[in-house]
Amino acid sequence: MPLSVGIVGSIGFDAITVALLGRSRPLGIVLAGLLFGALHAGGPGDASIAQTPLTLTTVLQALIVLFVAAPRAGDQDRAVPQASQDACAWSRS
């Protein structure tokens, strides 16, 4: 079965998002994959039954990543490595 253009374009982005959300741990990736799979599979049904826009699932995925994975990435930017004593002594001489 050949892949369609719409599927191929989103597989890589979804995989990166699942790995980020699962924090690169096997169990986390499986759980994040199940969550995103359920959102992808249930999105069209939810849109037809609840009369919500189909893009609501995409917005929900973005909010999950924003509130779960993004704060962790911000903590790494704030960490400033401390200089060793040898480096400080060498720069003074």
PDB file of N, CA and C in Angstrom:
ATOM      1  N   MET A   1       0.841  -1.167   0.000  1.00  0.00           N
ATOM      2  CA  MET A   1       0.000   0.000   0.000  1.00  0.00           C
ATOM      3  C   MET A   1       0.897   1.245   0.000  1.00  0.00           C
ATOM      4  N   PRO A   2       0.811   2.081  -1.000  1.00  0.00           N
ATOM      5  CA  PRO A   2       1.656   3.281  -1.047  1.00  0.00           C
ATOM      6  C   PRO A   2       1.165   4.339  -0.058  1.00  0.00           C
ATOM      7  N   LEU A   3       2.109   5.124   0.411  1.00  0.00           N
ATOM      8  CA  LEU A   3       1.774   6.195   1.342  1.00  0.00           C
ATOM      9  C   LEU A   3       1.303   7.417   0.570  1.00  0.00           C
ATOM     10  N   SER A   4       0.301   8.084   1.077  1.00  0.00           N
ATOM     11  CA  SER A   4      -0.174   9.294   0.422  1.00  0.00           C
ATOM     12  C   SER A   4       0.660  10.486   0.889  1.00  0.00           C
ATOM     13  N   VAL A   5       0.546  11.569   0.163  1.00  0.00           N
ATOM     14  CA  VAL A   5       1.357  12.751   0.460  1.00  0.00           C
ATOM     15  C   VAL A   5       1.042  13.315   1.840  1.00  0.00           C
ATOM     16  N   GLY A   6      -0.211  13.330   2.231  1.00  0.00           N
ATOM     17  CA  GLY A   6      -0.590  13.865   3.540  1.00  0.00           C
ATOM     18  C   GLY A   6      -0.034  13.058   4.694  1.00  0.00           C
ATOM     19  N   ILE A   7       0.031  11.752   4.522  1.00  0.00           N
ATOM     20  CA  ILE A   7       0.552  10.897   5.587  1.00  0.00           C
ATOM     21  C   ILE A   7       2.058  11.043   5.696  1.00  0.00           C
ATOM     22  N   VAL A   8       2.744  11.038   4.566  1.00  0.00           N
ATOM     23  CA  VAL A   8       4.200  11.110   4.577  1.00  0.00           C
ATOM     24  C   VAL A   8       4.678  12.426   5.186  1.00  0.00           C
ATOM     25  N   GLY A   9       3.975  13.506   4.926  1.00  0.00           N
ATOM     26  CA  GLY A   9       4.388  14.801   5.443  1.00  0.00           C
ATOM     27  C   GLY A   9       4.277  14.943   6.938  1.00  0.00           C
ATOM     28  N   SER A  10       3.428  14.153   7.565  1.00  0.00           N
ATOM     29  CA  SER A  10       3.229  14.321   9.003  1.00  0.00           C
ATOM     30  C   SER A  10       3.879  13.232   9.846  1.00  0.00           C
ATOM     31  N   ILE A  11       4.351  12.154   9.241  1.00  0.00           N
ATOM     32  CA  ILE A  11       4.917  11.051  10.026  1.00  0.00           C
ATOM     33  C   ILE A  11       6.152  11.510  10.802  1.00  0.00           C
ATOM     34  N   GLY A  12       7.045  12.223  10.158  1.00  0.00           N
ATOM     35  CA  GLY A  12       8.271  12.662  10.825  1.00  0.00           C
ATOM     36  C   GLY A  12       7.998  13.630  11.962  1.00  0.00           C
ATOM     37  N   PHE A  13       7.100  14.577  11.738  1.00  0.00           N
ATOM     38  CA  PHE A  13       6.783  15.544  12.778  1.00  0.00           C
ATOM     39  C   PHE A  13       6.088  14.873  13.959  1.00  0.00           C
ATOM     40  N   ASP A  14       5.210  13.939  13.675  1.00  0.00           N
ATOM     41  CA  ASP A  14       4.549  13.212  14.755  1.00  0.00           C
ATOM     42  C   ASP A  14       5.550  12.370  15.533  1.00  0.00           C
ATOM     43  N   ALA A  15       6.491  11.757  14.837  1.00  0.00           N
ATOM     44  CA  ALA A  15       7.489  10.924  15.516  1.00  0.00           C
ATOM     45  C   ALA A  15       8.372  11.761  16.436  1.00  0.00           C
ATOM     46  N   ILE A  16       8.773  12.937  15.979  1.00  0.00           N
ATOM     47  CA  ILE A  16       9.588  13.825  16.819  1.00  0.00           C
ATOM     48  C   ILE A  16       8.787  14.265  18.041  1.00  0.00           C
ATOM     49  N   THR A  17       7.525  14.593  17.837  1.00  0.00           N
ATOM     50  CA  THR A  17       6.677  15.033  18.935  1.00  0.00           C
ATOM     51  C   THR A  17       6.452  13.911  19.946  1.00  0.00           C
ATOM     52  N   VAL A  18       6.243  12.690  19.459  1.00  0.00           N
ATOM     53  CA  VAL A  18       6.037  11.552  20.361  1.00  0.00           C
ATOM     54  C   VAL A  18       7.311  11.280  21.155  1.00  0.00           C
ATOM     55  N   ALA A  19       8.470  11.339  20.497  1.00  0.00           N
ATOM     56  CA  ALA A  19       9.729  11.113  21.210  1.00  0.00           C
ATOM     57  C   ALA A  19       9.980  12.200  22.248  1.00  0.00           C
ATOM     58  N   LEU A  20       9.659  13.439  21.907  1.00  0.00           N
ATOM     59  CA  LEU A  20       9.829  14.543  22.846  1.00  0.00           C
ATOM     60  C   LEU A  20       8.880  14.399  24.026  1.00  0.00           C
ATOM     61  N   LEU A  21       7.651  14.046  23.739  1.00  0.00           N
ATOM     62  CA  LEU A  21       6.666  13.893  24.808  1.00  0.00           C
ATOM     63  C   LEU A  21       6.978  12.684  25.676  1.00  0.00           C
ATOM     64  N   GLY A  22       7.483  11.624  25.075  1.00  0.00           N
ATOM     65  CA  GLY A  22       7.856  10.424  25.828  1.00  0.00           C
ATOM     66  C   GLY A  22       9.201  10.527  26.496  1.00  0.00           C
ATOM     67  N   ARG A  23       9.869  11.669  26.319  1.00  0.00           N
ATOM     68  CA  ARG A  23      11.172  11.961  26.918  1.00  0.00           C
ATOM     69  C   ARG A  23      12.219  10.899  26.588  1.00  0.00           C
ATOM     70  N   SER A  24      12.121  10.354  25.373  1.00  0.00           N
ATOM     71  CA  SER A  24      13.072   9.376  24.830  1.00  0.00           C
ATOM     72  C   SER A  24      13.226   8.140  25.711  1.00  0.00           C
ATOM     73  N   ARG A  25      12.180   7.781  26.394  1.00  0.00           N
ATOM     74  CA  ARG A  25      12.167   6.556  27.192  1.00  0.00           C
ATOM     75  C   ARG A  25      11.178   5.598  26.548  1.00  0.00           C
ATOM     76  N   PRO A  26      11.491   4.302  26.509  1.00  0.00           N
ATOM     77  CA  PRO A  26      10.630   3.353  25.794  1.00  0.00           C
ATOM     78  C   PRO A  26       9.168   3.367  26.237  1.00  0.00           C
ATOM     79  N   LEU A  27       8.916   3.315  27.527  1.00  0.00           N
ATOM     80  CA  LEU A  27       7.537   3.302  28.003  1.00  0.00           C
ATOM     81  C   LEU A  27       6.847   4.636  27.708  1.00  0.00           C
ATOM     82  N   GLY A  28       7.561   5.725  27.876  1.00  0.00           N
ATOM     83  CA  GLY A  28       6.990   7.035  27.588  1.00  0.00           C
ATOM     84  C   GLY A  28       6.642   7.203  26.124  1.00  0.00           C
ATOM     85  N   ILE A  29       7.482   6.661  25.252  1.00  0.00           N
ATOM     86  CA  ILE A  29       7.220   6.761  23.817  1.00  0.00           C
ATOM     87  C   ILE A  29       6.001   5.922  23.441  1.00  0.00           C
ATOM     88  N   VAL A  30       5.867   4.745  24.042  1.00  0.00           N
ATOM     89  CA  VAL A  30       4.698   3.909  23.761  1.00  0.00           C
ATOM     90  C   VAL A  30       3.424   4.618  24.218  1.00  0.00           C
ATOM     91  N   LEU A  31       3.446   5.182  25.417  1.00  0.00           N
ATOM     92  CA  LEU A  31       2.258   5.874  25.930  1.00  0.00           C
ATOM     93  C   LEU A  31       1.938   7.128  25.118  1.00  0.00           C
ATOM     94  N   ALA A  32       2.956   7.889  24.757  1.00  0.00           N
ATOM     95  CA  ALA A  32       2.735   9.083  23.942  1.00  0.00           C
ATOM     96  C   ALA A  32       2.241   8.694  22.551  1.00  0.00           C
ATOM     97  N   GLY A  33       2.764   7.606  21.998  1.00  0.00           N
ATOM     98  CA  GLY A  33       2.298   7.134  20.696  1.00  0.00           C
ATOM     99  C   GLY A  33       0.845   6.703  20.734  1.00  0.00           C
ATOM    100  N   LEU A  34       0.455   6.030  21.816  1.00  0.00           N
ATOM    101  CA  LEU A  34      -0.952   5.642  21.963  1.00  0.00           C
ATOM    102  C   LEU A  34      -1.854   6.870  22.092  1.00  0.00           C
ATOM    103  N   LEU A  35      -1.406   7.870  22.828  1.00  0.00           N
ATOM    104  CA  LEU A  35      -2.183   9.099  22.977  1.00  0.00           C
ATOM    105  C   LEU A  35      -2.360   9.796  21.638  1.00  0.00           C
ATOM    106  N   PHE A  36      -1.263   9.954  20.900  1.00  0.00           N
ATOM    107  CA  PHE A  36      -1.348  10.651  19.620  1.00  0.00           C
ATOM    108  C   PHE A  36      -2.106   9.814  18.588  1.00  0.00           C
ATOM    109  N   GLY A  37      -1.964   8.483  18.659  1.00  0.00           N
ATOM    110  CA  GLY A  37      -2.736   7.624  17.764  1.00  0.00           C
ATOM    111  C   GLY A  37      -4.229   7.738  18.027  1.00  0.00           C
ATOM    112  N   ALA A  38      -4.594   7.788  19.301  1.00  0.00           N
ATOM    113  CA  ALA A  38      -6.007   7.946  19.650  1.00  0.00           C
ATOM    114  C   ALA A  38      -6.539   9.298  19.192  1.00  0.00           C
ATOM    115  N   LEU A  39      -5.717  10.328  19.311  1.00  0.00           N
ATOM    116  CA  LEU A  39      -6.152  11.651  18.847  1.00  0.00           C
ATOM    117  C   LEU A  39      -6.317  11.676  17.329  1.00  0.00           C
ATOM    118  N   HIS A  40      -5.392  11.028  16.611  1.00  0.00           N
ATOM    119  CA  HIS A  40      -5.499  10.978  15.148  1.00  0.00           C
ATOM    120  C   HIS A  40      -6.704  10.151  14.703  1.00  0.00           C
ATOM    121  N   ALA A  41      -6.926   9.016  15.359  1.00  0.00           N
ATOM    122  CA  ALA A  41      -8.024   8.138  14.962  1.00  0.00           C
ATOM    123  C   ALA A  41      -9.380   8.700  15.385  1.00  0.00           C
ATOM    124  N   GLY A  42      -9.424   9.345  16.543  1.00  0.00           N
ATOM    125  CA  GLY A  42     -10.696   9.843  17.053  1.00  0.00           C
ATOM    126  C   GLY A  42     -11.061  11.232  16.587  1.00  0.00           C
ATOM    127  N   GLY A  43     -10.135  11.943  15.986  1.00  0.00           N
ATOM    128  CA  GLY A  43     -10.398  13.313  15.554  1.00  0.00           C
ATOM    129  C   GLY A  43     -11.540  13.456  14.566  1.00  0.00           C
ATOM    130  N   PRO A  44     -11.539  12.697  13.474  1.00  0.00           N
ATOM    131  CA  PRO A  44     -12.648  12.836  12.520  1.00  0.00           C
ATOM    132  C   PRO A  44     -14.006  12.427  13.104  1.00  0.00           C
ATOM    133  N   GLY A  45     -14.017  11.394  13.936  1.00  0.00           N
ATOM    134  CA  GLY A  45     -15.276  10.993  14.566  1.00  0.00           C
ATOM    135  C   GLY A  45     -15.791  12.043  15.528  1.00  0.00           C
ATOM    136  N   ASP A  46     -14.874  12.640  16.279  1.00  0.00           N
ATOM    137  CA  ASP A  46     -15.252  13.698  17.211  1.00  0.00           C
ATOM    138  C   ASP A  46     -15.766  14.917  16.456  1.00  0.00           C
ATOM    139  N   ALA A  47     -15.141  15.206  15.337  1.00  0.00           N
ATOM    140  CA  ALA A  47     -15.560  16.364  14.551  1.00  0.00           C
ATOM    141  C   ALA A  47     -16.973  16.182  14.005  1.00  0.00           C
ATOM    142  N   SER A  48     -17.320  14.967  13.625  1.00  0.00           N
ATOM    143  CA  SER A  48     -18.652  14.764  13.061  1.00  0.00           C
ATOM    144  C   SER A  48     -19.722  14.644  14.146  1.00  0.00           C
ATOM    145  N   ILE A  49     -19.392  14.014  15.261  1.00  0.00           N
ATOM    146  CA  ILE A  49     -20.400  13.812  16.310  1.00  0.00           C
ATOM    147  C   ILE A  49     -20.622  15.083  17.128  1.00  0.00           C
ATOM    148  N   ALA A  50     -19.540  15.710  17.579  1.00  0.00           N
ATOM    149  CA  ALA A  50     -19.668  16.871  18.463  1.00  0.00           C
ATOM    150  C   ALA A  50     -19.726  18.192  17.699  1.00  0.00           C
ATOM    151  N   GLN A  51     -19.661  18.121  16.372  1.00  0.00           N
ATOM    152  CA  GLN A  51     -19.697  19.325  15.531  1.00  0.00           C
ATOM    153  C   GLN A  51     -18.575  20.303  15.884  1.00  0.00           C
ATOM    154  N   THR A  52     -17.376  19.755  16.094  1.00  0.00           N
ATOM    155  CA  THR A  52     -16.204  20.577  16.361  1.00  0.00           C
ATOM    156  C   THR A  52     -15.310  20.580  15.129  1.00  0.00           C
ATOM    157  N   PRO A  53     -14.479  21.595  14.961  1.00  0.00           N
ATOM    158  CA  PRO A  53     -13.587  21.613  13.802  1.00  0.00           C
ATOM    159  C   PRO A  53     -12.541  20.502  13.904  1.00  0.00           C
ATOM    160  N   LEU A  54     -12.114  20.000  12.760  1.00  0.00           N
ATOM    161  CA  LEU A  54     -11.136  18.919  12.719  1.00  0.00           C
ATOM    162  C   LEU A  54      -9.778  19.370  13.242  1.00  0.00           C
ATOM    163  N   THR A  55      -9.486  20.640  13.152  1.00  0.00           N
ATOM    164  CA  THR A  55      -8.196  21.150  13.632  1.00  0.00           C
ATOM    165  C   THR A  55      -8.110  21.203  15.147  1.00  0.00           C
ATOM    166  N   LEU A  56      -9.206  20.917  15.828  1.00  0.00           N
ATOM    167  CA  LEU A  56      -9.186  20.924  17.286  1.00  0.00           C
ATOM    168  C   LEU A  56      -8.224  19.878  17.840  1.00  0.00           C
ATOM    169  N   THR A  57      -8.118  18.730  17.186  1.00  0.00           N
ATOM    170  CA  THR A  57      -7.179  17.709  17.654  1.00  0.00           C
ATOM    171  C   THR A  57      -5.739  18.171  17.469  1.00  0.00           C
ATOM    172  N   THR A  58      -5.457  18.902  16.410  1.00  0.00           N
ATOM    173  CA  THR A  58      -4.112  19.432  16.193  1.00  0.00           C
ATOM    174  C   THR A  58      -3.770  20.462  17.261  1.00  0.00           C
ATOM    175  N   VAL A  59      -4.712  21.306  17.592  1.00  0.00           N
ATOM    176  CA  VAL A  59      -4.502  22.298  18.646  1.00  0.00           C
ATOM    177  C   VAL A  59      -4.308  21.609  19.990  1.00  0.00           C
ATOM    178  N   LEU A  60      -5.062  20.553  20.249  1.00  0.00           N
ATOM    179  CA  LEU A  60      -4.922  19.805  21.492  1.00  0.00           C
ATOM    180  C   LEU A  60      -3.541  19.162  21.591  1.00  0.00           C
ATOM    181  N   GLN A  61      -3.044  18.613  20.488  1.00  0.00           N
ATOM    182  CA  GLN A  61      -1.703  18.036  20.476  1.00  0.00           C
ATOM    183  C   GLN A  61      -0.652  19.105  20.745  1.00  0.00           C
ATOM    184  N   ALA A  62      -0.812  20.260  20.136  1.00  0.00           N
ATOM    185  CA  ALA A  62       0.145  21.347  20.340  1.00  0.00           C
ATOM    186  C   ALA A  62       0.144  21.813  21.790  1.00  0.00           C
ATOM    187  N   LEU A  63      -1.015  21.901  22.397  1.00  0.00           N
ATOM    188  CA  LEU A  63      -1.093  22.321  23.799  1.00  0.00           C
ATOM    189  C   LEU A  63      -0.464  21.288  24.728  1.00  0.00           C
ATOM    190  N   ILE A  64      -0.652  20.013  24.419  1.00  0.00           N
ATOM    191  CA  ILE A  64      -0.032  18.959  25.232  1.00  0.00           C
ATOM    192  C   ILE A  64       1.480  19.089  25.184  1.00  0.00           C
ATOM    193  N   VAL A  65       2.026  19.273  23.993  1.00  0.00           N
ATOM    194  CA  VAL A  65       3.480  19.418  23.853  1.00  0.00           C
ATOM    195  C   VAL A  65       3.951  20.693  24.537  1.00  0.00           C
ATOM    196  N   LEU A  66       3.207  21.763  24.386  1.00  0.00           N
ATOM    197  CA  LEU A  66       3.595  23.046  24.977  1.00  0.00           C
ATOM    198  C   LEU A  66       3.680  22.970  26.489  1.00  0.00           C
ATOM    199  N   PHE A  67       2.698  22.350  27.122  1.00  0.00           N
ATOM    200  CA  PHE A  67       2.668  22.329  28.580  1.00  0.00           C
ATOM    201  C   PHE A  67       3.446  21.175  29.207  1.00  0.00           C
ATOM    202  N   VAL A  68       3.716  20.119  28.450  1.00  0.00           N
ATOM    203  CA  VAL A  68       4.434  18.974  29.015  1.00  0.00           C
ATOM    204  C   VAL A  68       5.913  19.008  28.666  1.00  0.00           C
ATOM    205  N   ALA A  69       6.240  19.212  27.415  1.00  0.00           N
ATOM    206  CA  ALA A  69       7.628  19.100  26.967  1.00  0.00           C
ATOM    207  C   ALA A  69       8.370  20.431  26.939  1.00  0.00           C
ATOM    208  N   ALA A  70       7.704  21.509  26.664  1.00  0.00           N
ATOM    209  CA  ALA A  70       8.387  22.794  26.522  1.00  0.00           C
ATOM    210  C   ALA A  70       8.984  23.323  27.821  1.00  0.00           C
ATOM    211  N   PRO A  71       8.343  23.222  28.974  1.00  0.00           N
ATOM    212  CA  PRO A  71       8.982  23.712  30.201  1.00  0.00           C
ATOM    213  C   PRO A  71      10.291  22.995  30.506  1.00  0.00           C
ATOM    214  N   ARG A  72      10.369  21.739  30.174  1.00  0.00           N
ATOM    215  CA  ARG A  72      11.600  20.984  30.402  1.00  0.00           C
ATOM    216  C   ARG A  72      12.729  21.494  29.508  1.00  0.00           C
ATOM    217  N   ALA A  73      12.415  21.879  28.285  1.00  0.00           N
ATOM    218  CA  ALA A  73      13.430  22.403  27.373  1.00  0.00           C
ATOM    219  C   ALA A  73      13.919  23.772  27.841  1.00  0.00           C
ATOM    220  N   GLY A  74      13.052  24.551  28.454  1.00  0.00           N
ATOM    221  CA  GLY A  74      13.449  25.865  28.952  1.00  0.00           C
ATOM    222  C   GLY A  74      14.404  25.793  30.122  1.00  0.00           C
ATOM    223  N   ASP A  75      14.318  24.735  30.924  1.00  0.00           N
ATOM    224  CA  ASP A  75      15.215  24.574  32.062  1.00  0.00           C
ATOM    225  C   ASP A  75      16.651  24.348  31.617  1.00  0.00           C
ATOM    226  N   GLN A  76      16.851  23.700  30.496  1.00  0.00           N
ATOM    227  CA  GLN A  76      18.199  23.431  30.013  1.00  0.00           C
ATOM    228  C   GLN A  76      18.887  24.702  29.543  1.00  0.00           C
ATOM    229  N   ASP A  77      18.135  25.668  29.054  1.00  0.00           N
ATOM    230  CA  ASP A  77      18.733  26.917  28.601  1.00  0.00           C
ATOM    231  C   ASP A  77      19.220  27.772  29.768  1.00  0.00           C
ATOM    232  N   ARG A  78      18.603  27.639  30.920  1.00  0.00           N
ATOM    233  CA  ARG A  78      18.963  28.456  32.072  1.00  0.00           C
ATOM    234  C   ARG A  78      20.179  27.925  32.824  1.00  0.00           C
ATOM    235  N   ALA A  79      20.513  26.686  32.604  1.00  0.00           N
ATOM    236  CA  ALA A  79      21.638  26.093  33.320  1.00  0.00           C
ATOM    237  C   ALA A  79      22.950  26.663  32.792  1.00  0.00           C
ATOM    238  N   VAL A  80      23.727  27.259  33.692  1.00  0.00           N
ATOM    239  CA  VAL A  80      25.015  27.834  33.321  1.00  0.00           C
ATOM    240  C   VAL A  80      26.103  26.995  33.971  1.00  0.00           C
ATOM    241  N   PRO A  81      26.982  26.409  33.165  1.00  0.00           N
ATOM    242  CA  PRO A  81      28.027  25.583  33.762  1.00  0.00           C
ATOM    243  C   PRO A  81      29.011  26.442  34.553  1.00  0.00           C
ATOM    244  N   GLN A  82      29.452  25.896  35.676  1.00  0.00           N
ATOM    245  CA  GLN A  82      30.410  26.591  36.532  1.00  0.00           C
ATOM    246  C   GLN A  82      31.824  26.332  36.011  1.00  0.00           C
ATOM    247  N   ALA A  83      32.654  27.354  36.041  1.00  0.00           N
ATOM    248  CA  ALA A  83      34.045  27.204  35.601  1.00  0.00           C
ATOM    249  C   ALA A  83      34.839  26.471  36.683  1.00  0.00           C
ATOM    250  N   SER A  84      35.750  25.651  36.242  1.00  0.00           N
ATOM    251  CA  SER A  84      36.570  24.916  37.211  1.00  0.00           C
ATOM    252  C   SER A  84      37.617  25.848  37.824  1.00  0.00           C
ATOM    253  N   GLN A  85      38.179  25.448  38.949  1.00  0.00           N
ATOM    254  CA  GLN A  85      39.183  26.259  39.629  1.00  0.00           C
ATOM    255  C   GLN A  85      40.437  26.423  38.772  1.00  0.00           C
ATOM    256  N   ASP A  86      40.833  25.378  38.038  1.00  0.00           N
ATOM    257  CA  ASP A  86      42.013  25.455  37.190  1.00  0.00           C
ATOM    258  C   ASP A  86      41.846  26.499  36.099  1.00  0.00           C
ATOM    259  N   ALA A  87      40.674  26.569  35.506  1.00  0.00           N
ATOM    260  CA  ALA A  87      40.440  27.525  34.438  1.00  0.00           C
ATOM    261  C   ALA A  87      40.479  28.951  34.975  1.00  0.00           C
ATOM    262  N   CYS A  88      39.944  29.167  36.178  1.00  0.00           N
ATOM    263  CA  CYS A  88      39.968  30.498  36.770  1.00  0.00           C
ATOM    264  C   CYS A  88      41.385  30.907  37.128  1.00  0.00           C
ATOM    265  N   ALA A  89      42.163  29.980  37.674  1.00  0.00           N
ATOM    266  CA  ALA A  89      43.546  30.295  38.045  1.00  0.00           C
ATOM    267  C   ALA A  89      44.383  30.565  36.801  1.00  0.00           C
ATOM    268  N   TRP A  90      44.160  29.868  35.734  1.00  0.00           N
ATOM    269  CA  TRP A  90      44.934  30.056  34.514  1.00  0.00           C
ATOM    270  C   TRP A  90      44.634  31.408  33.877  1.00  0.00           C
ATOM    271  N   SER A  91      43.360  31.863  33.964  1.00  0.00           N
ATOM    272  CA  SER A  91      43.001  33.122  33.342  1.00  0.00           C
ATOM    273  C   SER A  91      43.523  34.318  34.125  1.00  0.00           C
ATOM    274  N   ARG A  92      43.827  34.152  35.407  1.00  0.00           N
ATOM    275  CA  ARG A  92      44.340  35.265  36.224  1.00  0.00           C
ATOM    276  C   ARG A  92      45.816  35.497  35.992  1.00  0.00           C
ATOM    277  N   SER A  93      46.533  34.489  35.559  1.00  0.00           N
ATOM    278  CA  SER A  93      47.990  34.655  35.434  1.00  0.00           C
ATOM    279  C   SER A  93      48.408  35.244  34.115  1.00  0.00           C
TER     280      SER A  93
END
